[in-house]
Protein backbone atom coordinates (compact mmCIF):
# COMPACT_ATOMS: atom_id res chain seq x y z
CA MET A 1 143.90 13.14 158.14
CA ILE A 2 144.69 12.09 161.35
CA VAL A 3 142.51 13.81 164.39
CA LEU A 4 144.27 13.02 167.55
CA PRO A 5 142.80 13.20 170.76
CA ILE A 6 142.86 16.55 173.07
CA SER A 7 144.58 14.83 175.93
CA ILE A 8 147.34 13.13 173.37
CA LEU A 9 147.90 16.81 171.68
CA SER A 10 147.93 18.54 174.71
CA THR A 11 150.72 16.52 176.37
CA LEU A 12 152.33 16.88 173.34
CA LEU A 13 152.47 20.31 172.69
CA PHE A 14 153.67 20.89 176.50
CA SER A 15 156.38 18.48 175.87
CA ILE A 16 157.40 20.56 173.37
CA PHE A 17 157.02 23.62 175.03
CA PHE A 18 158.71 21.99 178.33
CA ILE A 19 162.08 20.67 175.74
CA ALA A 20 162.24 24.51 174.17
CA ARG A 21 161.90 26.43 177.55
CA GLN A 22 164.76 24.28 178.86
CA ALA A 23 167.04 24.61 176.12
CA PHE A 24 166.38 28.42 176.15
CA LEU A 25 167.31 28.35 179.49
CA ARG A 26 170.58 26.09 179.17
CA HIS A 27 171.72 28.96 176.35
CA LYS A 28 171.01 31.56 178.26
CA ARG A 29 172.71 30.28 181.33
CA SER A 30 175.49 29.17 179.63
CA LYS A 31 176.27 32.43 178.28
CA HIS A 32 175.71 34.24 181.58
CA ALA A 33 178.29 31.42 182.95
CA LYS A 34 180.65 32.64 180.37
CA GLN A 35 180.13 36.28 181.03
CA LEU A 36 180.93 35.40 185.03
CA ASN A 37 184.61 33.50 183.88
CA ALA A 38 182.41 30.50 185.71
CA GLU A 39 183.08 26.72 184.45
CA LYS A 40 181.39 23.51 184.88
CA CYS A 41 182.06 21.26 187.61
CA ALA A 42 182.30 17.32 187.45
CA ARG A 43 178.87 15.75 187.24
CA SER A 44 177.20 12.84 188.50
CA PRO A 45 174.96 10.83 184.99
CA GLY A 46 171.67 10.18 187.03
CA GLY A 47 169.60 8.82 183.73
CA LEU A 48 166.42 9.98 182.95
CA LEU A 49 165.48 12.95 184.87
CA GLY A 50 168.11 11.87 187.28
CA ILE A 51 165.84 9.77 188.45
CA ARG A 52 168.65 7.13 189.35
CA ASN A 53 170.32 10.15 192.25
CA PHE A 54 166.91 10.58 193.41
CA LEU A 55 166.21 7.20 194.22
CA GLY A 56 169.96 6.66 195.51
CA LEU A 57 169.18 9.58 198.05
CA LYS A 58 166.18 7.83 198.98
CA ASN A 59 167.55 4.94 199.94
CA ALA A 60 170.26 6.42 201.80
CA HIS A 61 168.40 7.74 203.98
CA SER A 62 165.91 5.16 204.51
CA GLY A 63 168.56 2.71 205.47
CA GLY A 64 170.25 4.98 207.60
CA ARG A 65 173.12 6.21 205.47
CA MET A 66 172.41 9.38 203.95
CA PRO A 67 175.54 11.34 205.43
CA HIS A 68 177.39 8.32 204.07
CA HIS A 69 176.21 8.49 201.03
CA PHE A 70 177.32 12.51 200.31
CA GLN A 71 180.75 11.21 201.76
CA ARG A 72 181.23 8.70 199.22
CA LEU A 73 179.50 10.69 196.18
CA HIS A 74 181.93 13.35 197.05
CA GLN A 75 185.22 11.03 197.50
CA GLN A 76 183.94 9.90 193.60
CA TYR A 77 183.43 13.33 192.14
CA GLY A 78 185.50 15.63 193.98
CA ALA A 79 185.24 18.17 196.03
CA THR A 80 182.25 20.17 194.23
CA PHE A 81 180.25 18.32 191.82
CA ASN A 82 176.74 18.54 190.37
CA ILE A 83 173.81 16.04 189.81
CA ALA A 84 170.66 15.40 188.34
CA ALA A 85 167.36 14.73 190.79
CA LEU A 86 164.10 14.59 189.31
CA GLY A 87 164.67 17.33 186.50
CA LYS A 88 166.47 19.51 189.20
CA GLU A 89 169.76 20.45 189.03
CA LEU A 90 172.15 20.38 192.59
CA ILE A 91 175.25 21.11 193.25
CA PHE A 92 177.33 19.53 196.12
CA THR A 93 180.57 20.80 197.51
CA ILE A 94 182.75 20.54 200.74
CA GLU A 95 185.44 23.28 199.57
CA PRO A 96 185.97 25.41 202.35
CA GLU A 97 185.85 28.47 200.42
CA ASN A 98 182.88 28.11 198.65
CA ILE A 99 180.92 27.18 202.26
CA GLN A 100 182.60 30.41 203.70
CA ALA A 101 180.90 32.24 200.51
CA LEU A 102 177.26 30.72 200.98
CA LEU A 103 177.46 31.80 204.87
CA THR A 104 179.17 34.86 205.15
CA THR A 105 181.02 36.71 202.31
CA GLN A 106 178.02 36.13 199.43
CA PHE A 107 175.64 35.66 202.11
CA SER A 108 173.02 38.32 200.37
CA GLU A 109 173.08 35.98 197.09
CA PHE A 110 172.56 32.73 199.12
CA GLY A 111 169.31 32.19 201.36
CA LEU A 112 166.63 29.64 202.67
CA ALA A 113 164.24 31.06 199.69
CA PRO A 114 160.53 30.56 199.99
CA SER A 115 160.65 26.65 199.64
CA ARG A 116 162.25 26.61 202.90
CA HIS A 117 159.54 28.63 204.30
CA ASP A 118 156.71 26.30 203.15
CA GLN A 119 158.93 23.11 203.71
CA TRP A 120 159.22 23.53 207.80
CA PHE A 121 156.57 25.81 208.45
CA PRO A 122 153.47 23.52 209.93
CA LEU A 123 156.03 22.95 212.31
CA PHE A 124 158.26 26.10 212.83
CA GLY A 125 155.90 29.07 211.35
CA GLU A 126 158.43 31.70 211.18
CA GLY A 127 161.47 32.36 212.62
CA ILE A 128 165.51 32.21 211.88
CA PHE A 129 165.13 28.47 210.31
CA THR A 130 162.62 29.41 208.01
CA ASP A 131 163.12 33.01 206.88
CA ASP A 132 165.09 35.04 204.80
CA GLY A 133 165.53 39.07 204.95
CA ARG A 134 163.85 41.16 207.57
CA LEU A 135 162.08 38.58 209.02
CA TRP A 136 164.97 36.85 209.62
CA GLU A 137 166.71 40.15 210.63
CA HIS A 138 164.17 40.14 213.55
CA SER A 139 164.07 36.97 214.35
CA ARG A 140 167.58 36.67 215.24
CA LYS A 141 167.42 40.70 217.15
CA MET A 142 165.22 38.74 219.25
CA LEU A 143 167.38 35.75 219.69
CA ARG A 144 170.95 36.91 220.01
CA PRO A 145 170.63 38.95 223.07
CA ARG A 146 169.36 36.02 224.67
CA PHE A 147 172.13 33.51 224.02
CA THR A 148 175.71 35.39 225.01
CA LYS A 149 178.59 33.69 227.19
CA ASP A 150 176.89 35.97 229.81
CA GLN A 151 173.34 34.19 229.81
CA VAL A 152 175.23 30.50 230.20
CA PRO A 153 174.44 29.36 233.51
CA ASP A 154 176.65 28.03 236.34
CA VAL A 155 177.74 25.08 237.89
CA ASP A 156 174.86 24.65 240.09
CA TRP A 157 172.26 25.32 237.35
CA PHE A 158 173.99 22.20 235.61
CA ASP A 159 174.20 20.23 238.55
CA VAL A 160 170.48 20.09 239.44
CA HIS A 161 170.40 18.31 235.66
CA SER A 162 173.55 16.37 235.95
CA ASN A 163 172.05 14.75 239.30
CA HIS A 164 169.01 13.47 237.99
CA PHE A 165 170.94 12.24 234.93
CA ILE A 166 173.15 10.46 237.21
CA ASP A 167 170.30 9.03 239.41
CA ALA A 168 168.42 7.57 236.48
CA LEU A 169 171.34 5.42 235.21
CA PRO A 170 170.64 1.80 236.11
CA LYS A 171 173.39 1.14 239.36
CA ASP A 172 174.02 -2.53 238.70
CA GLY A 173 176.09 -2.57 235.88
CA ARG A 174 172.65 -3.73 233.59
CA PRO A 175 172.85 -2.48 229.61
CA PHE A 176 170.63 0.27 228.63
CA ASP A 177 170.10 3.23 225.93
CA ILE A 178 171.99 6.32 227.22
CA GLN A 179 170.84 7.89 224.20
CA GLU A 180 167.51 8.25 225.56
CA LEU A 181 168.83 9.58 228.93
CA VAL A 182 170.49 12.38 227.26
CA PHE A 183 167.79 13.63 225.29
CA ARG A 184 165.71 13.42 228.42
CA LEU A 185 168.39 15.51 230.16
CA THR A 186 168.41 17.90 227.20
CA LEU A 187 164.67 18.22 227.23
CA ASP A 188 164.95 18.74 230.69
CA GLY A 189 167.79 21.50 230.35
CA ALA A 190 166.54 23.28 227.29
CA THR A 191 162.87 23.59 228.80
CA ASP A 192 164.71 25.19 232.47
CA LEU A 193 166.77 27.59 229.96
CA LEU A 194 164.04 28.49 227.90
CA TYR A 195 160.98 28.99 230.69
CA GLY A 196 162.64 29.13 233.55
CA GLU A 197 160.92 25.39 235.04
CA SER A 198 161.95 22.70 233.85
CA VAL A 199 159.92 19.20 233.46
CA ASP A 200 161.78 17.03 234.26
CA SER A 201 161.09 14.54 232.33
CA LEU A 202 164.36 12.65 234.40
CA VAL A 203 162.29 12.07 237.26
CA SER A 204 158.62 12.52 236.74
CA PRO A 205 156.01 12.58 233.83
CA LEU A 206 155.87 15.63 232.28
CA SER A 207 152.49 15.99 232.79
CA ASN A 208 152.75 16.51 236.57
CA GLN A 209 155.02 19.96 235.76
CA THR A 210 153.57 21.26 233.09
CA GLY A 211 149.80 21.11 233.50
CA VAL A 212 149.69 19.76 230.04
CA PRO A 213 147.14 16.53 230.01
CA GLU A 214 148.28 13.45 228.65
CA MET A 215 152.10 15.16 228.01
CA THR A 216 154.14 11.52 228.32
CA ILE A 217 157.21 11.91 227.55
CA ASN A 218 157.35 8.71 225.41
CA GLY A 219 153.64 8.07 225.38
CA LYS A 220 151.71 8.72 221.96
CA LYS A 221 150.85 12.04 222.72
CA GLY A 222 154.44 13.04 224.08
CA PHE A 223 155.72 15.93 223.21
CA ALA A 224 159.40 14.74 222.65
CA GLU A 225 157.49 11.60 220.26
CA ALA A 226 155.45 14.33 218.69
CA PHE A 227 158.80 16.62 218.03
CA GLU A 228 160.77 13.84 216.58
CA HIS A 229 158.01 12.83 214.05
CA SER A 230 156.93 15.96 212.81
CA GLN A 231 160.62 16.54 212.36
CA PHE A 232 160.94 13.93 210.36
CA VAL A 233 158.56 14.29 208.03
CA VAL A 234 159.60 18.01 207.45
CA PHE A 235 162.88 16.55 206.97
CA GLN A 236 160.83 14.49 204.03
CA ARG A 237 160.01 17.91 202.97
CA THR A 238 162.92 19.33 202.72
CA PHE A 239 164.43 16.77 200.67
CA SER A 240 161.12 16.51 197.87
CA LEU A 241 163.02 18.89 195.47
CA GLY A 242 160.00 20.88 195.43
CA PHE A 243 157.06 17.99 195.49
CA HIS A 244 156.72 18.76 199.68
CA TRP A 245 153.19 20.01 199.05
CA LEU A 246 152.93 15.87 198.73
CA ILE A 247 154.24 15.07 201.83
CA ASN A 248 151.54 16.34 204.03
CA PRO A 249 150.40 13.37 206.13
CA PRO A 250 147.98 13.48 208.49
CA GLY A 251 150.47 12.41 211.29
CA LEU A 252 152.34 15.42 210.90
CA LYS A 253 149.07 17.98 211.90
CA LYS A 254 149.08 15.99 214.81
CA SER A 255 152.66 16.17 215.87
CA SER A 256 152.82 19.70 215.08
CA ALA A 257 149.64 20.34 217.17
CA ILE A 258 150.92 18.36 220.39
CA VAL A 259 154.34 20.35 220.32
CA HIS A 260 152.04 23.51 219.85
CA LYS A 261 149.74 22.56 222.74
CA PHE A 262 152.58 22.27 224.70
CA LEU A 263 154.50 25.34 223.94
CA ASP A 264 151.25 27.23 224.42
CA TYR A 265 151.39 26.14 228.11
CA PHE A 266 154.57 28.05 228.60
CA VAL A 267 153.90 31.03 226.60
CA ASN A 268 150.66 31.68 228.05
CA LYS A 269 151.94 31.60 231.51
CA ALA A 270 155.23 34.16 230.45
CA LEU A 271 152.64 36.46 228.88
CA ASP A 272 150.31 36.23 231.94
CA SER A 273 153.37 37.45 233.98
CA HIS A 274 153.52 40.98 231.88
CA LYS A 275 149.86 41.56 232.31
CA PRO A 276 149.67 44.86 235.20
CA ASP A 277 147.79 42.64 238.09
CA ALA A 278 150.05 39.79 237.70
CA LYS A 279 152.47 39.03 240.71
CA GLU A 280 156.32 39.26 240.38
CA GLU A 281 157.59 36.17 240.21
CA GLN A 282 160.98 36.20 241.63
CA GLY A 283 163.30 33.93 239.69
CA ARG A 284 166.11 33.15 237.38
CA TYR A 285 166.52 34.69 233.83
CA SER A 286 163.85 33.15 231.54
CA TYR A 287 164.75 33.51 227.69
CA LEU A 288 160.71 33.34 227.25
CA LYS A 289 160.18 36.02 229.53
CA ALA A 290 162.54 38.29 228.17
CA LEU A 291 160.94 37.25 224.71
CA ALA A 292 157.17 38.11 226.35
CA SER A 293 159.01 41.57 227.45
CA TYR A 294 159.93 42.31 223.85
CA SER A 295 156.52 41.00 222.01
CA LYS A 296 153.05 40.32 222.89
CA ASP A 297 152.10 38.00 219.63
CA ARG A 298 151.74 34.57 221.12
CA LYS A 299 152.03 32.75 218.30
CA ALA A 300 155.52 34.96 217.22
CA ILE A 301 156.74 33.66 220.23
CA ARG A 302 155.81 30.24 220.25
CA ASP A 303 157.35 30.16 216.57
CA GLN A 304 160.98 31.12 218.09
CA MET A 305 160.39 28.84 221.06
CA VAL A 306 160.39 25.54 218.53
CA HIS A 307 163.59 27.09 216.26
CA VAL A 308 164.96 27.78 219.96
CA MET A 309 164.05 23.70 221.27
CA LEU A 310 165.31 22.76 218.26
CA ALA A 311 168.51 24.33 218.51
CA SER A 312 169.12 24.14 222.55
CA ARG A 313 167.61 20.19 223.33
CA ASP A 314 168.40 18.28 219.74
CA ASP A 315 172.04 19.73 219.03
CA THR A 316 172.71 18.68 222.58
CA GLY A 317 171.77 15.19 222.79
CA SER A 318 173.31 14.20 219.39
CA LEU A 319 176.44 15.41 220.91
CA LEU A 320 176.17 14.07 223.99
CA ALA A 321 174.94 10.65 222.61
CA SER A 322 177.92 10.45 220.35
CA CYS A 323 180.44 11.25 223.02
CA PHE A 324 179.36 8.11 225.18
CA TYR A 325 179.27 6.19 221.79
CA PHE A 326 183.11 6.65 220.75
CA LEU A 327 184.19 6.52 225.01
CA ALA A 328 182.57 3.23 225.41
CA ARG A 329 184.52 1.79 222.23
CA ASP A 330 187.40 3.31 223.39
CA LYS A 331 189.27 2.27 226.44
CA ARG A 332 192.27 4.04 225.95
CA ALA A 333 190.31 7.75 225.56
CA TRP A 334 188.21 6.63 228.41
CA GLY A 335 190.87 6.17 230.84
CA LYS A 336 193.21 9.34 229.69
CA LEU A 337 189.35 11.03 230.27
CA LYS A 338 189.20 9.59 233.48
CA ALA A 339 192.72 10.42 234.44
CA GLU A 340 192.28 14.02 233.57
CA VAL A 341 188.73 14.12 235.41
CA THR A 342 190.30 12.80 238.75
CA GLN A 343 193.08 15.24 238.75
CA ALA A 344 191.03 18.27 238.08
CA VAL A 345 189.12 17.11 240.79
CA GLN A 346 191.73 16.65 243.40
CA ASP A 347 193.23 20.50 242.03
CA HIS A 348 189.53 21.67 242.27
CA ASP A 349 186.62 21.42 244.93
CA SER A 350 184.38 19.54 242.86
CA THR A 351 181.34 21.61 244.57
CA LYS A 352 183.15 24.72 243.22
CA ILE A 353 184.54 23.86 239.59
CA THR A 354 183.67 26.54 237.13
CA ILE A 355 181.94 25.82 234.17
CA LYS A 356 185.39 27.39 232.27
CA GLU A 357 187.78 25.41 234.18
CA ILE A 358 185.72 22.02 232.97
CA GLN A 359 185.79 22.97 229.52
CA ASN A 360 189.51 24.39 229.58
CA LEU A 361 190.14 20.45 230.32
CA PRO A 362 192.29 19.87 227.05
CA TYR A 363 191.66 16.19 226.65
CA LEU A 364 187.72 16.51 227.69
CA ARG A 365 187.81 19.73 224.77
CA ALA A 366 189.34 17.83 222.49
CA VAL A 367 187.22 14.42 222.96
CA VAL A 368 184.00 17.18 222.53
CA ASN A 369 185.44 18.27 219.49
CA GLU A 370 186.49 14.88 218.00
CA ALA A 371 183.09 13.57 218.57
CA LEU A 372 181.54 16.88 216.94
CA ARG A 373 183.69 16.58 213.75
CA LEU A 374 182.51 12.55 213.47
CA PHE A 375 179.04 12.89 214.05
CA PRO A 376 178.24 16.48 213.33
CA PRO A 377 174.39 17.02 214.76
CA VAL A 378 173.49 18.94 211.22
CA PRO A 379 175.33 16.99 208.85
CA ILE A 380 174.09 18.00 205.74
CA ASN A 381 173.04 21.57 204.84
CA ALA A 382 172.32 24.05 201.88
CA ARG A 383 171.38 27.48 200.76
CA VAL A 384 169.43 28.66 197.55
CA ALA A 385 170.79 31.26 194.95
CA LEU A 386 168.58 34.27 195.11
CA LYS A 387 170.48 35.35 191.95
CA ASP A 388 172.33 34.28 189.29
CA THR A 389 175.59 34.04 190.86
CA THR A 390 178.98 32.28 191.05
CA ILE A 391 180.90 30.18 193.94
CA PRO A 392 184.49 30.65 194.63
CA VAL A 393 186.03 27.36 193.06
CA GLY A 394 185.25 23.82 191.74
CA GLY A 395 185.00 24.40 187.80
CA GLY A 396 186.94 23.89 184.96
CA PRO A 397 189.83 20.82 185.18
CA ASP A 398 191.73 22.03 187.64
CA GLY A 399 188.80 22.32 189.81
CA GLN A 400 189.91 26.28 190.87
CA ALA A 401 187.25 28.23 188.56
CA PRO A 402 184.46 29.61 189.37
CA VAL A 403 181.02 27.30 189.23
CA TYR A 404 178.26 29.07 187.75
CA VAL A 405 175.04 29.36 189.83
CA HIS A 406 171.56 30.21 188.63
CA GLN A 407 168.51 31.83 190.71
CA GLY A 408 166.88 29.00 192.33
CA GLN A 409 169.43 26.88 192.14
CA THR A 410 170.21 24.65 195.50
CA VAL A 411 173.78 24.51 196.62
CA SER A 412 174.03 21.73 199.33
CA TYR A 413 177.33 21.27 201.82
CA SER A 414 177.88 17.86 203.88
CA VAL A 415 179.39 19.35 206.82
CA TRP A 416 179.85 14.89 207.74
CA ALA A 417 182.38 14.68 204.62
CA LEU A 418 183.42 17.95 204.80
CA HIS A 419 185.11 16.31 208.69
CA ARG A 420 186.13 13.54 207.09
CA ARG A 421 188.33 14.91 204.42
CA GLN A 422 191.97 13.39 204.33
CA ASP A 423 193.36 16.02 202.84
CA ILE A 424 192.35 18.21 206.00
CA TRP A 425 192.42 15.82 208.79
CA GLY A 426 194.76 12.98 207.92
CA PRO A 427 194.65 9.63 206.46
CA ASP A 428 192.89 8.38 209.46
CA ALA A 429 190.33 10.98 209.15
CA ASP A 430 187.33 7.99 209.48
CA GLU A 431 188.60 7.30 213.14
CA PHE A 432 187.96 8.55 216.62
CA ARG A 433 191.04 9.72 218.12
CA PRO A 434 190.82 12.90 220.45
CA GLU A 435 195.17 13.60 219.67
CA ARG A 436 194.36 14.81 216.92
CA TRP A 437 193.34 18.13 218.06
CA ASP A 438 197.05 18.62 219.70
CA GLU A 439 198.63 18.13 216.44
CA LEU A 440 196.58 20.13 214.53
CA LYS A 441 194.50 23.28 214.20
CA PRO A 442 192.14 23.41 211.14
CA ALA A 443 192.10 26.48 209.10
CA ALA A 444 188.78 28.40 209.09
CA TRP A 445 185.81 27.09 207.51
CA GLN A 446 187.03 23.68 207.99
CA PHE A 447 185.55 22.64 211.60
CA LEU A 448 181.52 23.24 211.37
CA PRO A 449 179.71 21.44 214.00
CA PHE A 450 177.55 24.27 214.28
CA ASN A 451 177.49 26.05 210.96
CA GLY A 452 179.14 29.76 210.94
CA GLY A 453 178.46 33.56 209.93
CA PRO A 454 175.32 35.05 210.95
CA ARG A 455 173.33 31.89 210.71
CA ALA A 456 175.63 30.20 212.99
CA CYS A 457 173.55 28.31 215.60
CA VAL A 458 172.79 29.94 218.31
CA GLY A 459 172.50 27.77 221.38
CA GLN A 460 176.10 26.27 220.66
CA LEU A 461 177.47 27.73 223.90
CA PHE A 462 174.57 26.16 225.64
CA ALA A 463 175.25 22.99 223.99
CA LEU A 464 179.23 22.99 224.72
CA ALA A 465 178.99 23.70 228.78
CA GLN A 466 176.18 21.07 229.34
CA ALA A 467 177.80 18.66 227.06
CA SER A 468 181.21 19.14 229.14
CA HIS A 469 179.55 19.46 232.46
CA LEU A 470 177.53 16.33 232.45
CA LEU A 471 181.13 13.91 230.88
CA PHE A 472 182.57 15.44 233.72
CA ARG A 473 179.94 14.65 236.30
CA VAL A 474 179.70 11.15 234.92
CA LEU A 475 183.61 10.24 235.24
CA GLU A 476 183.75 11.94 238.37
CA ARG A 477 181.45 9.22 239.52
CA PHE A 478 182.01 6.21 237.25
CA ASP A 479 185.00 4.01 237.07
CA VAL A 480 183.85 1.82 233.71
CA LEU A 481 182.17 2.56 229.99
CA GLU A 482 181.59 -0.37 227.68
CA ASN A 483 179.71 -0.76 224.24
CA ALA A 484 176.79 -3.54 225.69
CA ARG A 485 175.17 -3.53 221.77
CA PRO A 486 175.43 -6.83 220.61
CA GLY A 487 176.22 -7.71 217.16
CA PRO A 488 179.30 -6.08 214.82
CA ASP A 489 180.21 -2.71 215.65
CA MET A 490 179.92 -0.49 212.95
CA GLY A 491 182.90 2.22 214.41
CA SER A 492 182.42 5.58 212.82
CA HIS A 493 179.99 4.24 210.25
CA PRO A 494 177.09 3.26 212.24
CA ARG A 495 173.58 3.54 210.86
CA MET A 496 172.24 7.23 211.29
CA HIS A 497 168.45 8.58 212.04
CA GLN A 498 168.42 12.31 210.60
CA THR A 499 165.43 14.19 210.61
CA LEU A 500 166.43 18.24 210.95
CA THR A 501 169.30 17.20 213.46
CA MET A 502 171.03 13.42 213.71
CA CYS A 503 171.45 10.77 216.01
CA HIS A 504 171.86 7.13 216.32
CA GLU A 505 169.41 5.09 214.66
CA LYS A 506 170.21 2.35 217.03
CA ALA A 507 170.19 2.27 221.12
CA VAL A 508 173.02 3.81 222.14
CA GLU A 509 173.17 0.44 224.58
CA VAL A 510 175.95 0.79 227.30
CA ARG A 511 177.54 -0.18 230.82
CA LEU A 512 178.75 1.96 233.50
CA CYS A 513 179.95 1.19 236.98
């Protein structure tokens, strides 16, 4: 009689159990799908356990081509399809009706689930981007009243930061990376908006403003660098398909600690201002002080600040970098926009023009929308089924039947690919052409630069206002914007650096004069 070693026997028994369990689940889900009148959607083959699909995603991310990769998959397999990756079944969709279901009409059936919380917790803690249910409702309740139209600053406030930005620009026409400067601008604006005082990274080191030692903008211990690095690792954990616990490098803990230390300074200062013996300071409204009056929990407030920093700084920086990227490559669009701004300056007192008047300039609004369409700050997002359910369309031979989604299954939607659908945006959907916004008005759920539904980006009003204002002031001051990046131009398909938001992987080198 052959006696198998215990290790081999254990492996064999586990394999039998695993195969039997998977077969049982497939049968159970197939039966439930029929009860819900759901049908299968298209499928991308991925080899054994979907390893080929996983490697494709990994290589696309490391090569700066992840958004392009999802666009290519949708072009190959359709608007809704299923793939296997490391043994997990994932659904990808760019059908507006399905995205609407995920974000609004079936909001209670899809969420972030424990996985998002665990993946993001080292940096973000608890907040709007990590929680479901009551915890999410509590976070939203804290933040929503503080991000309304009434709280968007006026022109004078924006002028302070735009003037710092313009003062930092080279005046001799030499090439420079405008992406780095717009992210400094948005850091200054975000800290001013959120904390009531700016770190003024465009004019001086952070340490001179905050009292936090060694908090330089670009140094190894700098907040901006630490925030970027920790986001990058968190993004890797998010796309680890359940293996995030394997991605826990020492750098994540160190970078998160720098971010938390930076924010703790402001949180402590805000809470101290609410002590009975504190002197009352007169000044502009501060979101942080408003939160401090709502809660005295230091960690809870700091967690919220990490979340809104992402929404206030990174989305706006990504948008502005993309606007300058496209305008530097399109002299016609720059010239047309320059003419519109010049006319507006002639029609209004430039020092008295309002944010609303700037945002109502039609071609400026079209340029901003077109940049958001082609380079959405968050190019891919996802929800997890909180129960066995369906999404409205994508199944069957004609793609019109519901698609079954089992509890715990992830449904991802690529805003990048949605915004480049030729059946929605025309045959030139991959091209930068602001005039398309005069010709068509996208239907609901076809244009989602800031997500949608109850979880829509809380900072979108501020992002649009700051981006529009800076573009207006730069166009008012300069006559020429040119692309200064050597080598072949990638047009609307450059390599992108993706963390939780997206920016250009390479510098956005331009000349202004």
